[in-house]
């Protein structure tokens, strides 16, 4: 009788043989995928692996990396108080903007999908435009300007709700609230388009068959037909919203300044920016990036299980 070890070796060999058989059988498809795989490997896989490796070193861009082991991580969690502030702000930001923007994308996509084709195309552009307009959020610097000429301050002072202007973007009491509001305004991006595409791809005959089977209203159609038919788009939207929520940085730096007052608008990505491009402590910045990467992967897996997708 073969031992357990021998059986494991045989199974591994069989899997390897099947893999090579599939590659040979579909070699044309793999050749078509090759350019993308090369670009993805060069610009994504290699940088991620390099960042993980650098996170265990001291690297200042001028000298060769010096091995430090786990010192960067111990410094990160035990000695860096600003990092803890950044983690708190990022989690607050993610848990507020992530779910709200995700469900807002789904809701608006569902409503707009019911419109006539020409009006649907126009409304899609209206809702999607802020996310593709580059630094369009800088208009909020005028609205929330801290002097008496800012739109919000001037309106409130003319209405006699305020006696003097408020520093909306530099006061720690207000700035994160307004940054969250601006992010929600910008959030109808790729997820919104994916949901529109998913709704358009659902076969209308399914709704007719469901009506015969006893579906009585639009909410039942949404729950039993629309959402189950959109699982790939829902998963894609969730991944995009995770990346947007955990990766916020430019809005914080543009609106609240860098660094913000008492680090009140500090996020993990702005912390990486500080150590990577200002202080040139690339090893330490890589450690922060690695922690953020692992948190995003964990969150993605949790959402995947919730949506029950592979």
Protein backbone atom coordinates (compact mmCIF):
# COMPACT_ATOMS: atom_id res chain seq x y z
CA UNK A 1 0.00 0.00 0.00
CA UNK A 2 1.13 3.53 -0.80
CA UNK A 3 1.78 5.83 2.14
CA UNK A 4 -0.01 9.14 2.65
CA UNK A 5 3.11 10.96 1.52
CA UNK A 6 3.25 8.98 -1.73
CA UNK A 7 -0.43 9.67 -2.41
CA UNK A 8 0.13 13.39 -1.84
CA UNK A 9 3.05 13.36 -4.30
CA UNK A 10 0.93 11.51 -6.89
CA UNK A 11 -1.97 13.95 -6.46
CA UNK A 12 0.37 16.90 -6.85
CA UNK A 13 1.80 15.40 -10.02
CA UNK A 14 -1.69 14.73 -11.42
CA UNK A 15 -2.69 18.34 -10.74
CA UNK A 16 0.48 19.54 -12.45
CA UNK A 17 -0.20 17.34 -15.47
CA UNK A 18 -3.79 18.58 -15.70
CA UNK A 19 -2.60 22.19 -15.51
CA UNK A 20 -0.13 21.71 -18.34
CA UNK A 21 -2.81 19.92 -20.37
CA UNK A 22 -5.19 22.86 -19.92
CA UNK A 23 -2.45 25.34 -20.88
CA UNK A 24 -1.63 23.39 -24.06
CA UNK A 25 -5.31 22.99 -24.88
CA UNK A 26 -5.99 26.74 -24.49
CA UNK A 27 -2.61 28.10 -25.53
CA UNK A 28 -4.16 30.64 -27.94
CA UNK A 29 -6.17 32.16 -25.09
CA UNK A 30 -3.12 32.35 -22.85
CA UNK A 31 -1.14 34.01 -25.64
CA UNK A 32 -3.83 36.67 -25.91
CA UNK A 33 -3.65 37.18 -22.13
CA UNK A 34 0.15 37.35 -22.12
CA UNK A 35 0.55 41.14 -22.76
CA UNK A 36 -1.81 41.98 -19.89
CA UNK A 37 -0.15 39.43 -17.59
CA UNK A 38 3.29 40.90 -18.32
CA UNK A 39 2.10 44.48 -17.68
CA UNK A 40 0.20 43.43 -14.54
CA UNK A 41 3.23 41.54 -13.22
CA UNK A 42 5.66 44.37 -13.95
CA UNK A 43 3.58 47.24 -12.63
CA UNK A 44 1.59 45.54 -9.84
CA UNK A 45 2.95 42.20 -8.64
CA UNK A 46 6.65 43.16 -8.59
CA UNK A 47 6.07 46.55 -6.85
CA UNK A 48 3.86 44.93 -4.20
CA UNK A 49 6.43 42.21 -3.49
CA UNK A 50 9.25 44.79 -3.50
CA UNK A 51 7.32 46.94 -1.02
CA UNK A 52 6.81 43.97 1.29
CA UNK A 53 10.53 43.21 1.12
CA UNK A 54 11.53 46.84 1.74
CA UNK A 55 9.25 46.97 4.79
CA UNK A 56 11.86 44.91 6.66
CA UNK A 57 14.70 47.33 5.83
CA UNK A 58 15.90 50.87 6.38
CA UNK A 59 16.01 52.54 2.96
CA UNK A 60 16.46 56.29 2.41
CA UNK A 61 16.72 56.29 -1.43
CA UNK A 62 20.43 57.19 -1.24
CA UNK A 63 21.98 54.15 0.42
CA UNK A 64 21.40 50.49 -0.18
CA UNK A 65 18.64 48.98 1.99
CA UNK A 66 19.78 47.78 5.42
CA UNK A 67 18.00 44.86 7.05
CA UNK A 68 15.99 45.78 10.17
CA UNK A 69 13.70 42.81 10.57
CA UNK A 70 10.49 43.63 12.44
CA UNK A 71 11.72 46.99 13.80
CA UNK A 72 9.64 49.03 11.35
CA UNK A 73 6.48 47.19 12.41
CA UNK A 74 7.22 47.47 16.12
CA UNK A 75 7.86 51.19 15.67
CA UNK A 76 4.63 51.49 13.71
CA UNK A 77 2.35 49.95 16.32
CA UNK A 78 4.20 50.86 19.54
CA UNK A 79 5.91 54.21 18.98
CA UNK A 80 4.07 56.05 16.19
CA UNK A 81 1.15 57.92 17.79
CA UNK A 82 0.34 59.74 14.54
CA UNK A 83 -0.15 56.40 12.79
CA UNK A 84 -2.83 55.47 15.34
CA UNK A 85 -4.59 58.78 14.61
CA UNK A 86 -4.34 58.00 10.88
CA UNK A 87 -5.78 54.51 11.42
CA UNK A 88 -8.69 55.91 13.42
CA UNK A 89 -9.46 58.54 10.76
CA UNK A 90 -9.15 56.01 7.93
CA UNK A 91 -11.48 53.52 9.64
CA UNK A 92 -14.04 56.22 10.39
CA UNK A 93 -13.79 57.39 6.80
CA UNK A 94 -14.05 53.85 5.39
CA UNK A 95 -16.95 52.70 7.56
CA UNK A 96 -18.98 55.83 6.76
CA UNK A 97 -18.21 56.55 3.10
CA UNK A 98 -17.75 52.92 2.01
CA UNK A 99 -21.23 51.51 2.77
CA UNK A 100 -23.08 54.79 2.06
CA UNK A 101 -21.42 55.33 -1.32
CA UNK A 102 -21.82 51.64 -2.22
CA UNK A 103 -25.56 51.62 -1.58
CA UNK A 104 -25.92 55.09 -3.13
CA UNK A 105 -24.29 53.78 -6.33
CA UNK A 106 -26.68 50.82 -6.38
CA UNK A 107 -29.76 52.92 -5.60
CA UNK A 108 -29.06 55.62 -8.20
CA UNK A 109 -28.12 53.00 -10.80
CA UNK A 110 -31.39 51.15 -10.16
CA UNK A 111 -33.46 54.34 -10.41
CA UNK A 112 -31.67 55.68 -13.49
CA UNK A 113 -31.98 52.32 -15.22
CA UNK A 114 -35.77 52.76 -15.24
CA UNK A 115 -35.57 55.98 -17.29
CA UNK A 116 -35.96 56.20 -21.09
CA UNK A 117 -32.66 55.56 -22.95
CA UNK A 118 -31.77 59.18 -23.82
CA UNK A 119 -32.65 60.52 -20.38
CA UNK A 120 -30.83 57.56 -18.79
CA UNK A 121 -27.64 58.37 -20.71
CA UNK A 122 -27.86 62.05 -19.69
CA UNK A 123 -28.47 61.29 -16.00
CA UNK A 124 -25.64 58.74 -16.00
CA UNK A 125 -23.27 61.45 -17.24
CA UNK A 126 -24.57 63.94 -14.66
CA UNK A 127 -23.99 61.57 -11.75
CA UNK A 128 -20.69 60.18 -13.07
CA UNK A 129 -19.14 63.54 -14.06
CA UNK A 130 -17.73 64.56 -10.62
CA UNK A 131 -15.65 61.37 -10.40
CA UNK A 132 -13.94 61.99 -13.78
CA UNK A 133 -13.42 65.72 -13.40
CA UNK A 134 -9.95 65.48 -11.88
CA UNK A 135 -9.59 67.95 -9.03
CA UNK A 136 -13.21 69.11 -9.26
CA UNK A 137 -13.44 68.87 -5.48
CA UNK A 138 -11.34 72.06 -5.18
CA UNK A 139 -14.58 73.97 -5.76
CA UNK A 140 -15.31 73.02 -2.18
CA UNK A 141 -12.31 75.12 -1.10
CA UNK A 142 -14.26 78.15 -2.25
CA UNK A 143 -17.51 76.96 -0.67
CA UNK A 144 -15.83 76.13 2.65
CA UNK A 145 -13.22 78.89 2.67
CA UNK A 146 -12.45 80.04 6.20
CA UNK A 147 -12.69 83.78 5.48
CA UNK A 148 -15.80 85.92 5.16
CA UNK A 149 -15.79 85.51 1.38
CA UNK A 150 -16.29 81.75 1.47
CA UNK A 151 -19.73 80.81 0.17
CA UNK A 152 -20.86 78.99 3.31
CA UNK A 153 -19.49 81.58 5.72
CA UNK A 154 -20.85 84.54 3.76
CA UNK A 155 -24.30 82.94 3.47
CA UNK A 156 -24.47 82.15 7.19
CA UNK A 157 -23.18 85.60 8.17
CA UNK A 158 -25.68 87.36 5.91
CA UNK A 159 -28.41 85.23 7.47
CA UNK A 160 -27.06 86.25 10.90
CA UNK A 161 -26.42 82.63 11.95
CA UNK A 162 -22.74 83.53 12.43
CA UNK A 163 -21.01 86.62 13.76
CA UNK A 164 -17.58 85.68 12.45
CA UNK A 165 -16.28 83.19 9.88
CA UNK A 166 -15.47 79.62 10.87
CA UNK A 167 -12.39 77.75 9.65
CA UNK A 168 -14.35 74.80 8.27
CA UNK A 169 -11.35 73.02 6.73
CA UNK A 170 -8.72 73.64 9.40
CA UNK A 171 -10.79 73.32 12.57
CA UNK A 172 -10.54 69.67 13.77
CA UNK A 173 -14.17 69.88 14.87
CA UNK A 174 -15.44 70.23 11.29
CA UNK A 175 -12.84 69.27 8.69
CA UNK A 176 -13.29 65.46 8.62
CA UNK A 177 -17.06 65.85 8.39
CA UNK A 178 -16.78 68.01 5.29
CA UNK A 179 -14.11 65.78 3.73
CA UNK A 180 -16.46 62.81 4.14
CA UNK A 181 -19.24 64.86 2.50
CA UNK A 182 -17.00 65.74 -0.47
CA UNK A 183 -15.93 62.10 -0.87
CA UNK A 184 -19.57 61.02 -0.98
CA UNK A 185 -20.15 63.64 -3.69
CA UNK A 186 -17.32 62.09 -5.72
CA UNK A 187 -18.21 58.48 -5.02
CA UNK A 188 -20.41 57.68 -8.04
CA UNK A 189 -17.54 56.37 -10.14
CA UNK A 190 -16.65 52.99 -11.60
CA UNK A 191 -18.99 51.15 -9.23
CA UNK A 192 -21.92 53.22 -10.45
CA UNK A 193 -21.14 52.40 -14.10
CA UNK A 194 -20.67 48.71 -13.25
CA UNK A 195 -24.09 48.61 -11.60
CA UNK A 196 -25.68 50.33 -14.62
CA UNK A 197 -24.03 47.76 -16.91
CA UNK A 198 -25.15 44.90 -14.66
CA UNK A 199 -28.75 46.10 -14.67
CA UNK A 200 -28.69 46.46 -18.44
CA UNK A 201 -27.40 42.91 -18.89
CA UNK A 202 -30.26 41.22 -17.02
CA UNK A 203 -32.59 39.34 -19.36
CA UNK A 204 -36.05 40.96 -19.28
CA UNK A 205 -37.64 37.53 -19.75
CA UNK A 206 -36.57 36.69 -16.20
CA UNK A 207 -38.90 39.37 -14.85
CA UNK A 208 -41.77 38.08 -16.97
CA UNK A 209 -41.18 34.53 -15.75
CA UNK A 210 -40.95 35.78 -12.16
CA UNK A 211 -44.30 37.55 -12.50
CA UNK A 212 -45.86 34.27 -13.57
CA UNK A 213 -44.21 32.52 -10.59
CA UNK A 214 -45.69 34.98 -8.09
CA UNK A 215 -43.36 38.01 -7.85
CA UNK A 216 -45.77 40.86 -7.06
CA UNK A 217 -43.77 44.11 -6.75
CA UNK A 218 -40.50 45.84 -7.66
CA UNK A 219 -38.90 45.18 -4.27
CA UNK A 220 -39.37 41.43 -4.74
CA UNK A 221 -37.92 41.73 -8.25
CA UNK A 222 -34.91 43.56 -6.80
CA UNK A 223 -34.31 40.99 -4.05
CA UNK A 224 -35.00 37.74 -5.91
CA UNK A 225 -33.88 38.57 -9.47
CA UNK A 226 -31.88 41.78 -9.84
CA UNK A 227 -29.37 41.41 -7.01
CA UNK A 228 -28.65 37.66 -7.54
CA UNK A 229 -28.09 38.38 -11.25
CA UNK A 230 -25.61 41.16 -10.45
CA UNK A 231 -23.23 39.35 -8.09
CA UNK A 232 -20.12 39.91 -10.27
CA UNK A 233 -20.89 43.64 -10.56
CA UNK A 234 -21.69 43.86 -6.84
CA UNK A 235 -18.33 42.28 -6.03
CA UNK A 236 -16.51 44.61 -8.40
CA UNK A 237 -18.27 47.62 -6.88
CA UNK A 238 -17.37 46.47 -3.37
CA UNK A 239 -13.68 46.15 -4.28
CA UNK A 240 -13.65 49.60 -5.89
CA UNK A 241 -15.35 51.20 -2.89
CA UNK A 242 -12.89 49.50 -0.51
CA UNK A 243 -9.96 50.90 -2.50
CA UNK A 244 -11.53 54.37 -2.62
CA UNK A 245 -12.39 54.42 1.10
CA UNK A 246 -9.07 53.13 2.42
CA UNK A 247 -7.00 54.98 -0.18
CA UNK A 248 -8.27 58.52 0.39
CA UNK A 249 -5.46 61.07 0.45
CA UNK A 250 -5.58 63.83 -2.14
CA UNK A 251 -8.89 65.22 -0.88
CA UNK A 252 -7.53 65.43 2.67
CA UNK A 253 -4.33 67.16 1.59
CA UNK A 254 -6.06 69.61 -0.76
CA UNK A 255 -8.89 70.60 1.57
CA UNK A 256 -7.43 70.28 5.08
CA UNK A 257 -3.79 70.98 4.21
CA UNK A 258 -0.71 68.84 4.75
CA UNK A 259 -0.17 68.26 7.56
CA UNK A 260 -3.67 69.02 8.82
CA UNK A 261 -4.29 70.76 12.16
CA UNK A 262 -3.42 68.32 14.98
CA UNK A 263 -3.38 65.60 12.31
CA UNK A 264 -7.18 65.72 12.38
CA UNK A 265 -7.46 64.76 8.70
CA UNK A 266 -4.48 62.40 8.64
CA UNK A 267 -5.12 59.09 6.89
CA UNK A 268 -2.95 56.03 6.40
CA UNK A 269 -2.19 56.99 2.79
CA UNK A 270 -1.16 60.54 3.72
CA UNK A 271 1.04 58.98 6.42
CA UNK A 272 2.68 56.86 3.71
CA UNK A 273 3.10 60.00 1.59
CA UNK A 274 4.76 61.80 4.48
CA UNK A 275 7.36 59.13 5.17
CA UNK A 276 7.83 58.07 1.54
CA UNK A 277 8.09 61.37 -0.34
CA UNK A 278 8.85 63.95 2.36
CA UNK A 279 11.13 62.13 4.81
CA UNK A 280 12.36 59.50 2.33
CA UNK A 281 12.07 56.69 4.88
CA UNK A 282 11.01 54.21 2.22
CA UNK A 283 11.38 51.14 4.43
CA UNK A 284 9.04 52.56 7.05
CA UNK A 285 6.61 53.82 4.39
CA UNK A 286 6.60 50.32 2.87
CA UNK A 287 5.70 48.83 6.25
CA UNK A 288 2.71 51.17 6.49
CA UNK A 289 1.69 50.29 2.93
CA UNK A 290 1.98 46.56 3.68
CA UNK A 291 -0.32 46.87 6.70
CA UNK A 292 -2.86 48.81 4.61
CA UNK A 293 -2.62 46.21 1.83
CA UNK A 294 -3.32 43.35 4.26
CA UNK A 295 -6.30 45.19 5.79
CA UNK A 296 -7.78 45.79 2.32
CA UNK A 297 -7.31 42.12 1.37
CA UNK A 298 -8.96 41.02 4.61
CA UNK A 299 -11.89 43.39 4.06
CA UNK A 300 -12.26 42.19 0.49
CA UNK A 301 -12.41 38.55 1.63
CA UNK A 302 -15.03 39.35 4.27
CA UNK A 303 -17.22 41.10 1.68
CA UNK A 304 -16.68 38.23 -0.76
CA UNK A 305 -18.01 35.78 1.81
CA UNK A 306 -20.96 38.06 2.53
CA UNK A 307 -21.81 38.16 -1.19
CA UNK A 308 -21.03 34.43 -1.47
CA UNK A 309 -18.87 34.83 -4.57
CA UNK A 310 -15.75 32.87 -5.45
